[in-house]
Amino acid sequence: MHTLTGYVEHGDARAREFGFPTANIALEGEDSLDGVWVGFVRCPEGYTYLSTVSVGRRVTFYGEVGRLVLEAHLLDFTGDLYGKLLEVELVHFLRPQLKFDSAEALTAQIHQDVRDTVAWTAGHTQFASPMVGAVGAK
């Protein structure tokens, strides 16, 4: 497991347009964590959310020169996290970063990543417990 912290900043809202709003945190020196992960995001109010987390340079849109960003899609979350300090725990690696030929192909993969996140968590009951906030419990 890996734990990262940072303040949520505005992104370019592409994931929101695809139906997957994300909390974006700029990273430095975390290239070894590049990929898509099952994660848990702890919010300042004490709630923890199951999340699908991408760590990478958003190569579909920016190639290898994009800045390194953590993008967390918090399942069952609605609200505004801009400017908030979050703690993100990466608990299971799902797949490496990929470059997609179209926004549609990327969106289809994000749908699959979210399904994989839920399925993996269901199979690992220590993470599915309400005590660790699989659905936003304190």
Protein backbone atom coordinates (compact mmCIF):
# COMPACT_ATOMS: atom_id res chain seq x y z
CA MET A 1 0.00 0.00 0.00
CA HIS A 2 1.04 3.56 -0.69
CA THR A 3 -0.31 6.74 0.91
CA LEU A 4 -0.18 10.14 -0.79
CA THR A 5 -1.49 13.49 0.42
CA GLY A 6 -2.15 16.73 -1.35
CA TYR A 7 -4.51 19.59 -1.98
CA VAL A 8 -7.23 19.23 -4.60
CA GLU A 9 -6.79 21.60 -7.52
CA HIS A 10 -8.80 22.39 -10.62
CA GLY A 11 -8.11 20.16 -13.60
CA ASP A 12 -9.31 20.43 -17.17
CA ALA A 13 -12.69 18.77 -16.32
CA ARG A 14 -12.40 16.05 -18.98
CA ALA A 15 -13.22 13.24 -16.55
CA ARG A 16 -16.29 15.16 -15.38
CA GLU A 17 -17.43 15.47 -19.02
CA PHE A 18 -17.08 11.67 -19.32
CA GLY A 19 -19.25 11.19 -16.22
CA PHE A 20 -16.40 10.53 -13.79
CA PRO A 21 -15.57 13.67 -11.77
CA THR A 22 -12.18 13.45 -10.12
CA ALA A 23 -10.25 15.09 -7.31
CA ASN A 24 -6.94 16.14 -8.88
CA ILE A 25 -3.70 16.38 -6.90
CA ALA A 26 -0.40 17.43 -8.49
CA LEU A 27 2.46 15.04 -7.74
CA GLU A 28 6.21 15.16 -7.97
CA GLY A 29 8.53 12.17 -7.99
CA GLU A 30 5.84 9.48 -7.83
CA ASP A 31 6.43 8.01 -11.31
CA SER A 32 6.90 4.55 -9.79
CA LEU A 33 3.19 4.57 -8.88
CA ASP A 34 2.11 5.20 -12.49
CA GLY A 35 -1.10 3.33 -13.25
CA VAL A 36 -4.70 2.83 -12.18
CA TRP A 37 -5.39 1.71 -8.61
CA VAL A 38 -8.11 0.74 -6.19
CA GLY A 39 -7.87 3.34 -3.47
CA PHE A 40 -9.47 5.00 -0.49
CA VAL A 41 -9.67 8.77 -0.16
CA ARG A 42 -9.93 10.28 3.31
CA CYS A 43 -11.60 13.67 3.37
CA PRO A 44 -11.03 16.36 6.03
CA GLU A 45 -14.52 15.83 7.46
CA GLY A 46 -13.50 12.29 8.43
CA TYR A 47 -15.25 10.38 5.67
CA THR A 48 -13.42 7.79 3.58
CA TYR A 49 -14.53 6.86 0.05
CA LEU A 50 -13.75 3.89 -2.13
CA SER A 51 -12.10 5.31 -5.25
CA THR A 52 -10.68 4.46 -8.62
CA VAL A 53 -7.38 6.35 -8.76
CA SER A 54 -5.22 7.17 -11.76
CA VAL A 55 -1.61 8.23 -11.24
CA GLY A 56 0.10 9.41 -14.40
CA ARG A 57 0.69 12.03 -17.04
CA ARG A 58 -2.67 11.70 -18.87
CA VAL A 59 -0.87 10.38 -21.94
CA THR A 60 -4.02 10.20 -24.08
CA PHE A 61 -4.19 14.01 -24.06
CA TYR A 62 -0.66 15.18 -23.19
CA GLY A 63 1.72 12.39 -24.22
CA GLU A 64 4.70 11.63 -22.02
CA VAL A 65 5.35 15.33 -21.34
CA GLY A 66 2.22 15.96 -19.28
CA ARG A 67 2.63 16.80 -15.62
CA LEU A 68 2.23 14.01 -13.09
CA VAL A 69 -1.25 14.04 -11.55
CA LEU A 70 -3.26 11.85 -9.21
CA GLU A 71 -6.91 11.75 -10.30
CA ALA A 72 -9.29 10.09 -7.84
CA HIS A 73 -12.88 9.24 -8.75
CA LEU A 74 -14.63 8.88 -5.39
CA LEU A 75 -17.50 6.40 -5.63
CA ASP A 76 -20.78 7.55 -4.07
CA PHE A 77 -19.46 11.09 -3.50
CA THR A 78 -21.09 14.36 -4.44
CA GLY A 79 -19.66 17.66 -3.37
CA ASP A 80 -16.80 20.08 -3.79
CA LEU A 81 -13.27 19.14 -2.72
CA TYR A 82 -11.33 22.02 -4.32
CA GLY A 83 -8.62 23.29 -1.98
CA LYS A 84 -9.14 20.46 0.53
CA LEU A 85 -6.27 18.34 1.83
CA LEU A 86 -6.90 14.67 1.01
CA GLU A 87 -5.11 11.49 2.01
CA VAL A 88 -5.18 8.85 -0.73
CA GLU A 89 -4.32 5.25 0.06
CA LEU A 90 -3.52 3.09 -2.97
CA VAL A 91 -4.35 -0.49 -2.00
CA HIS A 92 -4.36 -2.52 -5.23
CA PHE A 93 -2.82 -1.97 -8.66
CA LEU A 94 -5.37 -2.53 -11.45
CA ARG A 95 -3.45 -1.75 -14.64
CA PRO A 96 -0.72 0.39 -16.20
CA GLN A 97 -1.43 3.74 -17.85
CA LEU A 98 -2.52 3.39 -21.46
CA LYS A 99 -2.82 5.81 -24.36
CA PHE A 100 -6.26 5.60 -25.98
CA ASP A 101 -7.14 6.40 -29.59
CA SER A 102 -10.35 8.22 -28.65
CA ALA A 103 -12.25 9.73 -25.75
CA GLU A 104 -14.86 7.00 -26.23
CA ALA A 105 -12.26 4.25 -25.76
CA LEU A 106 -10.94 5.99 -22.64
CA THR A 107 -14.46 6.37 -21.23
CA ALA A 108 -15.18 2.67 -21.80
CA GLN A 109 -11.98 1.77 -19.96
CA ILE A 110 -12.85 4.06 -17.04
CA HIS A 111 -16.21 2.28 -16.75
CA GLN A 112 -14.31 -1.02 -16.61
CA ASP A 113 -11.84 0.36 -14.05
CA VAL A 114 -14.71 1.37 -11.75
CA ARG A 115 -16.31 -2.08 -12.12
CA ASP A 116 -12.93 -3.67 -11.36
CA THR A 117 -12.54 -1.45 -8.28
CA VAL A 118 -15.91 -2.53 -6.89
CA ALA A 119 -15.31 -6.21 -7.74
CA TRP A 120 -11.85 -6.28 -6.17
CA THR A 121 -13.12 -4.63 -2.99
CA ALA A 122 -16.05 -7.06 -2.72
CA GLY A 123 -13.56 -9.92 -2.84
CA HIS A 124 -11.43 -8.42 -0.06
CA THR A 125 -13.77 -8.06 2.89
CA GLN A 126 -11.21 -6.26 5.05
CA PHE A 127 -11.61 -3.33 2.63
CA ALA A 128 -15.38 -3.70 2.12
CA SER A 129 -16.14 -3.16 5.82
CA PRO A 130 -18.14 -0.02 6.63
CA MET A 131 -15.46 0.79 9.21
CA VAL A 132 -13.04 1.68 6.42
CA GLY A 133 -15.69 3.60 4.54
CA ALA A 134 -16.36 1.57 1.41
CA VAL A 135 -19.48 3.70 1.00
CA GLY A 136 -18.36 6.87 2.72
CA ALA A 137 -18.74 5.95 6.38
CA LYS A 138 -16.69 7.66 9.08
